[in-house]
C-alpha cells in the first residue's frame, strides 16, 4: 500500500515508521523537518498547503508510483487533502474526499439540519451583515473567521459597541468571511474520536480551560473531563451525531462541545487530532495512540487498541495578563518535584517582552502533568503552573 502523507511532526513520524506501507511524505521546507527524510520511502520538500505546489508534487509521485490513500493529520494540510485526493482519484483521510474542510458556515448548516442542537448563525461578508444578525437574534453573539482555526480572530459581541471591534478582530486575521453565531454559554469540552467506515468511537472527552470573554483563548485541557457518566455520554453522543451529519467516515476528529442549559451543543468540528497536545493527553490517560490507530486503520491493518488502567493528564498553558518581560534565563526547573510532572516547555525567548494574550499564538509555553485521576492531576498542574509563572515574568 502506498500512503501519501502531507506534513508530519516528530511524534507522528514515529508512528509512520514500521507501517506495512510505503510512505511518500510532502514536508514543508526547512532544516528542522529534514530529519524525516531518513525514514520516508519518498521525501519531497514542498509547500503542501498551497494547492498548486502540493498537487504538482502529488501528481508526479502518483505517476511514478500510484498512491492508494492521501493523509493529512495537521491543521495546515486539511484544506488541500481532499482536493489532492479528488484529483488523483483516490480516497483520503480524513474522508471521504467530498466531506467538508474548514468551511465553518457550511458545517453549521449541516449540523442544524442533521439533528444536532440548533444554533442560529450567519456567514457575514461585511460589517452590516453582522449588525443584521445581532439585530435579528440579539446579544450575546460570537464571531470568528469562517475558515479559521485555533482561537485566531474569535471575539464576543455583547452590545452594539462591540460590533465594529469584533468585526475588525475576526476579519483582520485574513481568513476571508466571518461567521456569526448565537453565543452558547456553559462549560466547554472536546470529544476525541476515531472513525472507520462511518462508525464513530469516542476515545476521550476533554475538559477545556479558557480565558473567557472576549477572546476565549484556550489555556488548558484535562483528560478525562470531570463529568459523571450520564453527562459524558450525552456530550459524546452529540459529537457522534455531528460527525454523521457532516458525512465524516474515516480518521480522527476533535469535536468541540459546550454544555448549555438545554443540553450539549457542538461549537466546531476539526477533522484531525486534537491540537494543544490533546493527543498526548489522551495517550497518557488512556494508553490509546490515536495517530497510530488512525494510520493502521488507513492501511487496513487489524489490531487491538491498548488497554491500560485509567489515568489522567492535564496541560496548562503559560500566558501573561499584563505587559511584562520574561526573565533572561527561562526557569525550566521551577516545577521540579511536582508530582507527575512530564514536561515544562517554553515558546518564548529569555528576556522577551510579552503582552496580554489575545490568541493561542500569544501563549508562552506549557506545563504537562500526569496523574492517577483528574482531580489530583489538576492540583499538580496548578502547582507547576504557579511555580513556573512566578519564576518566568518580572
Protein backbone atom coordinates (compact mmCIF):
# COMPACT_ATOMS: atom_id res chain seq x y z
CA UNK A 1 0.00 0.00 0.00
CA UNK A 2 1.25 3.49 -0.84
CA UNK A 3 0.34 6.35 1.52
CA UNK A 4 0.86 9.98 0.55
CA UNK A 5 1.19 11.99 3.79
CA UNK A 6 1.00 15.78 3.84
CA UNK A 7 3.16 17.00 6.71
CA UNK A 8 4.47 15.17 9.76
CA UNK A 9 5.72 16.25 13.17
CA UNK A 10 8.24 14.14 15.12
CA UNK A 11 5.72 12.14 17.13
CA UNK A 12 3.61 11.42 14.06
CA UNK A 13 6.72 10.42 12.16
CA UNK A 14 7.42 7.82 14.85
CA UNK A 15 4.02 6.24 14.19
CA UNK A 16 4.63 6.06 10.44
CA UNK A 17 7.79 4.01 10.92
CA UNK A 18 7.08 0.31 10.54
CA UNK A 19 3.69 0.62 8.86
CA UNK A 20 3.03 -2.13 6.29
CA UNK A 21 3.01 0.53 3.59
CA UNK A 22 5.25 2.80 1.58
CA UNK A 23 5.09 6.38 2.80
CA UNK A 24 5.69 9.32 0.50
CA UNK A 25 5.95 12.45 2.62
CA UNK A 26 5.34 16.01 1.48
CA UNK A 27 7.04 18.16 4.08
CA UNK A 28 7.33 21.93 4.39
CA UNK A 29 10.81 23.23 3.51
CA UNK A 30 13.18 23.77 6.42
CA UNK A 31 16.16 22.17 8.13
CA UNK A 32 14.05 21.31 11.19
CA UNK A 33 11.96 18.95 9.08
CA UNK A 34 14.78 17.35 7.10
CA UNK A 35 15.28 14.58 9.69
CA UNK A 36 12.08 12.95 8.40
CA UNK A 37 13.85 12.20 5.11
CA UNK A 38 15.75 9.35 6.74
CA UNK A 39 12.74 7.06 7.13
CA UNK A 40 10.28 8.13 4.42
CA UNK A 41 10.19 5.94 1.31
CA UNK A 42 9.96 9.14 -0.70
CA UNK A 43 10.53 12.64 0.72
CA UNK A 44 9.64 15.88 -1.07
CA UNK A 45 10.10 19.36 0.38
CA UNK A 46 7.23 21.50 -0.86
CA UNK A 47 4.69 23.99 0.44
CA UNK A 48 1.90 21.43 0.50
CA UNK A 49 -0.54 23.98 1.97
CA UNK A 50 -0.69 25.62 -1.45
CA UNK A 51 -2.83 23.51 -3.76
CA UNK A 52 -0.78 24.23 -6.89
CA UNK A 53 2.55 23.14 -5.41
CA UNK A 54 1.07 20.27 -3.41
CA UNK A 55 -0.94 18.99 -6.38
CA UNK A 56 2.05 19.16 -8.70
CA UNK A 57 4.23 17.14 -6.30
CA UNK A 58 1.43 14.64 -5.63
CA UNK A 59 0.73 14.14 -9.33
CA UNK A 60 4.42 13.46 -10.07
CA UNK A 61 4.58 10.88 -7.27
CA UNK A 62 1.30 9.27 -8.37
CA UNK A 63 2.52 8.96 -11.97
CA UNK A 64 5.67 7.17 -10.82
CA UNK A 65 4.15 5.07 -8.03
CA UNK A 66 0.32 5.10 -7.79
CA UNK A 67 -0.98 6.39 -4.46
CA UNK A 68 -3.66 4.43 -2.59
CA UNK A 69 -4.59 6.98 0.08
CA UNK A 70 -3.87 10.67 0.79
CA UNK A 71 -3.49 11.50 4.51
CA UNK A 72 -3.44 14.82 6.34
CA UNK A 73 -3.48 14.99 10.13
CA UNK A 74 -2.20 18.56 10.52
CA UNK A 75 -4.37 21.65 10.56
CA UNK A 76 -2.35 23.17 7.72
CA UNK A 77 -2.98 20.19 5.43
CA UNK A 78 -6.75 19.83 5.79
CA UNK A 79 -7.69 22.43 3.18
CA UNK A 80 -5.88 20.56 0.39
CA UNK A 81 -6.04 16.85 1.33
CA UNK A 82 -9.48 16.34 -0.17
CA UNK A 83 -8.67 18.30 -3.32
CA UNK A 84 -5.48 16.36 -3.97
CA UNK A 85 -7.23 13.04 -3.34
CA UNK A 86 -10.10 14.02 -5.65
CA UNK A 87 -7.77 14.95 -8.49
CA UNK A 88 -5.76 11.75 -8.06
CA UNK A 89 -8.97 9.72 -7.90
CA UNK A 90 -8.13 8.04 -4.58
CA UNK A 91 -9.59 8.10 -1.04
CA UNK A 92 -8.39 10.43 1.70
CA UNK A 93 -8.08 10.54 5.46
CA UNK A 94 -9.95 12.46 6.74
CA UNK A 95 -12.56 11.15 4.39
CA UNK A 96 -14.47 10.85 2.25
CA UNK A 97 -12.94 13.37 -0.09
CA UNK A 98 -16.26 15.16 -0.63
CA UNK A 99 -16.60 15.87 3.09
CA UNK A 100 -16.02 19.34 4.45
CA UNK A 101 -12.75 21.07 5.01
CA UNK A 102 -12.63 24.24 7.09
CA UNK A 103 -15.89 25.88 5.94
CA UNK A 104 -17.50 26.53 9.33
CA UNK A 105 -20.61 28.09 7.86
CA UNK A 106 -21.38 25.00 5.79
CA UNK A 107 -20.61 22.81 8.80
CA UNK A 108 -23.16 24.73 10.88
CA UNK A 109 -25.76 24.36 8.15
CA UNK A 110 -25.31 20.59 8.11
CA UNK A 111 -25.33 20.34 11.90
CA UNK A 112 -28.57 22.29 12.18
CA UNK A 113 -30.10 20.05 9.52
CA UNK A 114 -28.69 16.81 10.93
CA UNK A 115 -30.49 16.53 14.24
CA UNK A 116 -27.92 18.37 16.34
CA UNK A 117 -28.55 21.19 18.82
CA UNK A 118 -29.85 24.17 16.80
CA UNK A 119 -27.60 27.26 16.74
CA UNK A 120 -28.57 30.46 14.83
CA UNK A 121 -25.76 31.59 12.52
CA UNK A 122 -24.89 33.79 9.54
CA UNK A 123 -21.89 33.98 7.22
CA UNK A 124 -21.02 37.69 7.10
CA UNK A 125 -19.22 39.34 4.21
CA UNK A 126 -19.32 42.88 5.61
CA UNK A 127 -20.00 44.60 8.95
CA UNK A 128 -23.63 45.29 8.00
CA UNK A 129 -24.25 41.53 7.88
CA UNK A 130 -23.05 41.20 11.47
CA UNK A 131 -25.24 44.12 12.54
CA UNK A 132 -28.25 42.50 10.86
CA UNK A 133 -27.54 39.19 12.61
CA UNK A 134 -27.43 40.67 16.12
CA UNK A 135 -30.49 42.79 15.37
CA UNK A 136 -32.37 39.61 14.47
CA UNK A 137 -31.03 37.23 17.12
CA UNK A 138 -29.95 39.58 19.89
CA UNK A 139 -26.92 39.60 22.14
CA UNK A 140 -24.63 37.97 23.03
CA UNK A 141 -23.12 36.61 19.83
CA UNK A 142 -19.72 35.28 18.87
CA UNK A 143 -17.82 35.95 15.67
CA UNK A 144 -14.91 34.03 14.18
CA UNK A 145 -13.22 33.61 10.79
CA UNK A 146 -15.40 31.28 8.73
CA UNK A 147 -12.27 29.41 7.62
CA UNK A 148 -10.07 29.98 10.67
CA UNK A 149 -8.57 27.68 13.25
CA UNK A 150 -7.36 27.67 16.87
CA UNK A 151 -8.60 30.83 18.64
CA UNK A 152 -7.47 33.28 15.95
CA UNK A 153 -10.00 36.07 15.41
CA UNK A 154 -12.59 34.87 17.94
CA UNK A 155 -14.50 37.70 19.60
CA UNK A 156 -17.74 38.08 21.56
CA UNK A 157 -20.38 40.70 20.84
CA UNK A 158 -22.31 41.71 23.96
CA UNK A 159 -23.70 45.04 22.72
CA UNK A 160 -23.80 47.49 19.84
CA UNK A 161 -20.42 48.97 20.76
CA UNK A 162 -18.78 45.56 20.27
CA UNK A 163 -19.83 45.08 16.65
CA UNK A 164 -17.06 47.08 14.97
CA UNK A 165 -14.22 45.81 17.23
CA UNK A 166 -15.43 42.24 16.83
CA UNK A 167 -15.63 42.55 13.05
CA UNK A 168 -12.13 44.03 12.92
CA UNK A 169 -10.69 41.32 15.19
CA UNK A 170 -12.28 38.46 13.23
CA UNK A 171 -11.62 39.83 9.72
CA UNK A 172 -8.09 41.14 10.24
CA UNK A 173 -6.58 37.65 10.58
CA UNK A 174 -7.09 37.24 6.83
CA UNK A 175 -9.21 34.08 6.61
CA UNK A 176 -11.98 35.62 4.50
CA UNK A 177 -15.64 35.74 5.55
CA UNK A 178 -16.72 35.99 9.19
CA UNK A 179 -19.12 33.56 10.85
CA UNK A 180 -21.56 34.99 13.41
CA UNK A 181 -23.37 32.65 15.79
CA UNK A 182 -25.58 33.00 18.81
CA UNK A 183 -23.24 32.69 21.81
CA UNK A 184 -23.66 29.44 23.70
CA UNK A 185 -22.87 29.55 27.40
CA UNK A 186 -21.64 26.76 29.62
CA UNK A 187 -18.55 24.67 30.28
CA UNK A 188 -16.55 23.73 27.19
CA UNK A 189 -15.35 20.25 26.28
CA UNK A 190 -13.93 18.45 23.29
CA UNK A 191 -14.61 14.90 22.18
CA UNK A 192 -11.70 12.98 20.67
CA UNK A 193 -12.97 10.41 18.19
CA UNK A 194 -11.83 7.84 15.65
CA UNK A 195 -13.97 6.85 12.66
CA UNK A 196 -13.74 3.83 10.36
CA UNK A 197 -16.24 3.30 7.52
CA UNK A 198 -18.62 5.80 9.12
CA UNK A 199 -18.56 4.09 12.54
CA UNK A 200 -17.54 6.63 15.16
CA UNK A 201 -15.89 5.89 18.51
CA UNK A 202 -15.44 8.26 21.44
CA UNK A 203 -11.88 7.74 22.68
CA UNK A 204 -11.89 10.50 25.33
CA UNK A 205 -13.73 13.61 26.48
CA UNK A 206 -11.51 16.60 27.28
CA UNK A 207 -12.39 19.44 29.64
CA UNK A 208 -11.28 22.81 28.30
CA UNK A 209 -9.98 25.84 30.21
CA UNK A 210 -10.12 29.28 28.55
CA UNK A 211 -9.58 32.95 29.32
CA UNK A 212 -13.31 33.51 28.81
CA UNK A 213 -14.78 36.52 27.02
CA UNK A 214 -13.98 38.28 24.83
CA UNK A 215 -11.30 36.10 23.15
CA UNK A 216 -11.76 32.61 24.66
CA UNK A 217 -8.09 31.68 24.32
CA UNK A 218 -7.55 28.07 25.37
CA UNK A 219 -5.36 27.94 28.47
CA UNK A 220 -5.51 24.28 29.43
CA UNK A 221 -7.05 20.84 28.94
CA UNK A 222 -7.98 17.98 31.30
CA UNK A 223 -8.34 14.33 30.22
CA UNK A 224 -10.65 12.79 31.22
CA UNK A 225 -13.19 15.56 31.75
CA UNK A 226 -14.60 15.85 35.27
CA UNK A 227 -18.13 14.72 34.37
CA UNK A 228 -20.37 11.95 35.64
CA UNK A 229 -21.25 9.06 33.33
CA UNK A 230 -24.61 10.42 32.05
CA UNK A 231 -23.03 13.78 31.22
CA UNK A 232 -20.06 12.13 29.47
CA UNK A 233 -22.46 10.01 27.45
CA UNK A 234 -24.59 12.99 26.41
CA UNK A 235 -21.56 15.03 25.31
CA UNK A 236 -20.16 12.08 23.36
CA UNK A 237 -23.45 11.28 21.65
CA UNK A 238 -23.86 14.88 20.42
CA UNK A 239 -20.35 14.73 18.94
CA UNK A 240 -21.13 11.47 17.13
CA UNK A 241 -24.37 12.91 15.72
CA UNK A 242 -22.35 15.83 14.41
CA UNK A 243 -19.84 13.59 12.63
CA UNK A 244 -22.67 11.70 10.96
CA UNK A 245 -24.34 14.97 9.96
CA UNK A 246 -21.29 16.23 8.05
CA UNK A 247 -20.60 12.89 6.36
CA UNK A 248 -17.30 12.11 8.07
CA UNK A 249 -16.30 8.45 7.64
CA UNK A 250 -12.57 7.94 8.18
CA UNK A 251 -9.96 9.33 10.53
CA UNK A 252 -9.66 11.17 13.83
CA UNK A 253 -11.78 14.16 14.82
CA UNK A 254 -11.69 16.76 17.56
CA UNK A 255 -15.27 17.92 18.20
CA UNK A 256 -15.71 20.98 20.42
CA UNK A 257 -18.87 20.91 22.54
CA UNK A 258 -20.42 23.19 25.13
CA UNK A 259 -22.87 22.01 27.82
CA UNK A 260 -25.72 24.51 27.71
CA UNK A 261 -28.78 24.52 29.94
CA UNK A 262 -30.62 22.86 27.06
CA UNK A 263 -28.03 20.13 26.57
CA UNK A 264 -24.74 19.69 24.71
CA UNK A 265 -24.19 21.72 21.55
CA UNK A 266 -21.35 21.46 19.03
CA UNK A 267 -19.21 24.56 18.64
CA UNK A 268 -16.84 23.30 15.94
CA UNK A 269 -15.64 20.11 14.27
CA UNK A 270 -11.96 19.68 13.45
CA UNK A 271 -11.32 16.60 11.33
CA UNK A 272 -7.89 15.92 12.79
CA UNK A 273 -6.25 15.01 16.08
CA UNK A 274 -6.87 17.43 18.91
CA UNK A 275 -4.27 20.19 18.93
CA UNK A 276 -2.67 21.73 22.02
CA UNK A 277 -1.13 18.28 22.62
CA UNK A 278 -4.54 16.83 23.47
CA UNK A 279 -3.49 13.74 21.52
CA UNK A 280 -0.65 13.32 24.05
CA UNK A 281 -3.00 13.84 27.00
CA UNK A 282 -5.25 11.11 25.58
CA UNK A 283 -2.32 8.73 25.25
CA UNK A 284 -1.14 9.43 28.81
CA UNK A 285 -4.64 8.99 30.24
CA UNK A 286 -5.91 6.05 28.19
CA UNK A 287 -2.91 4.39 26.58
CA UNK A 288 -4.55 4.93 23.16
CA UNK A 289 -2.24 6.30 20.48
CA UNK A 290 -4.81 7.89 18.18
CA UNK A 291 -2.32 8.76 15.44
CA UNK A 292 -1.02 5.20 15.26
CA UNK A 293 -4.51 3.73 15.32
CA UNK A 294 -5.71 6.07 12.58
CA UNK A 295 -2.77 5.11 10.37
CA UNK A 296 -3.33 1.39 10.97
CA UNK A 297 -6.99 1.82 10.07
CA UNK A 298 -5.95 3.64 6.90
CA UNK A 299 -3.52 0.87 6.00
CA UNK A 300 -6.19 -1.79 6.60
CA UNK A 301 -4.30 -3.47 9.44
CA UNK A 302 -6.26 -5.30 12.14
CA UNK A 303 -5.16 -4.55 15.71
CA UNK A 304 -6.38 -4.40 19.30
CA UNK A 305 -6.34 -0.96 20.99
CA UNK A 306 -4.12 -0.67 24.05
CA UNK A 307 -5.77 -1.47 27.37
CA UNK A 308 -4.35 0.27 30.43
CA UNK A 309 -5.77 1.29 33.82
CA UNK A 310 -7.49 4.69 33.58
CA UNK A 311 -5.31 7.66 34.41
CA UNK A 312 -5.45 11.41 33.84
CA UNK A 313 -3.35 14.12 32.22
CA UNK A 314 -3.51 17.92 32.33
CA UNK A 315 -1.82 20.66 30.33
CA UNK A 316 -1.76 24.27 31.47
CA UNK A 317 -0.61 26.96 29.05
CA UNK A 318 1.53 29.82 30.33
CA UNK A 319 0.39 33.33 29.45
CA UNK A 320 0.53 36.89 30.65
CA UNK A 321 -2.37 39.19 31.56
CA UNK A 322 -0.19 42.34 31.53
CA UNK A 323 2.70 43.85 29.59
CA UNK A 324 5.78 42.22 31.06
CA UNK A 325 9.25 40.87 30.33
CA UNK A 326 10.44 37.29 30.70
CA UNK A 327 13.48 36.55 32.83
CA UNK A 328 16.72 36.18 30.91
CA UNK A 329 17.23 32.52 31.84
CA UNK A 330 13.98 30.60 31.42
CA UNK A 331 13.03 28.62 34.58
CA UNK A 332 12.95 25.08 33.17
CA UNK A 333 13.41 23.58 36.64
CA UNK A 334 10.94 25.79 38.51
CA UNK A 335 8.42 22.95 38.83
CA UNK A 336 10.91 20.23 39.74
CA UNK A 337 9.41 17.98 42.37
CA UNK A 338 5.78 18.47 41.33
CA UNK A 339 4.14 15.01 41.38
CA UNK A 340 3.62 13.57 37.91
CA UNK A 341 5.36 16.38 36.05
CA UNK A 342 6.01 15.28 32.47
CA UNK A 343 7.42 18.42 30.88
CA UNK A 344 7.87 22.19 31.06
CA UNK A 345 8.14 23.78 27.62
CA UNK A 346 8.61 27.41 26.60
CA UNK A 347 7.65 29.03 23.28
CA UNK A 348 9.23 32.38 24.16
CA UNK A 349 12.85 33.50 24.39
CA UNK A 350 14.53 34.63 27.56
CA UNK A 351 14.23 38.38 28.06
CA UNK A 352 11.35 38.72 25.57
CA UNK A 353 8.69 41.34 26.12
CA UNK A 354 5.18 39.84 26.30
CA UNK A 355 1.67 41.26 26.15
CA UNK A 356 -1.72 40.10 27.39
CA UNK A 357 -2.78 37.02 25.46
CA UNK A 358 -5.26 37.55 22.60
CA UNK A 359 -4.91 34.19 20.82
CA UNK A 360 -3.11 30.88 21.20
CA UNK A 361 -0.16 32.43 19.37
CA UNK A 362 0.47 34.68 22.37
CA UNK A 363 0.93 31.86 24.87
CA UNK A 364 4.37 31.50 26.46
CA UNK A 365 4.68 27.74 26.87
CA UNK A 366 3.09 24.99 28.95
CA UNK A 367 3.35 22.57 31.84
CA UNK A 368 2.20 18.97 31.34
CA UNK A 369 1.29 16.68 34.24
CA UNK A 370 0.20 13.03 34.51
CA UNK A 371 -1.80 11.71 37.48
CA UNK A 372 -3.90 8.81 38.74
CA UNK A 373 -7.13 10.79 38.42
CA UNK A 374 -8.29 14.15 37.08
CA UNK A 375 -8.57 15.97 40.40
CA UNK A 376 -5.04 15.11 41.52
CA UNK A 377 -3.63 15.87 38.08
CA UNK A 378 -5.39 19.26 38.12
CA UNK A 379 -3.91 20.07 41.52
CA UNK A 380 -0.41 19.09 40.41
CA UNK A 381 -0.75 21.09 37.19
CA UNK A 382 -1.84 24.17 39.16
CA UNK A 383 1.19 23.77 41.42
CA UNK A 384 3.53 23.51 38.42
CA UNK A 385 1.84 26.41 36.64
CA UNK A 386 2.09 28.72 39.65
CA UNK A 387 5.75 27.87 40.23
CA UNK A 388 6.76 28.43 36.61
CA UNK A 389 4.70 31.60 36.16
CA UNK A 390 6.12 33.15 39.32
CA UNK A 391 9.64 32.49 38.07
CA UNK A 392 9.04 33.44 34.42
CA UNK A 393 7.78 37.04 34.44
CA UNK A 394 9.24 40.13 36.03
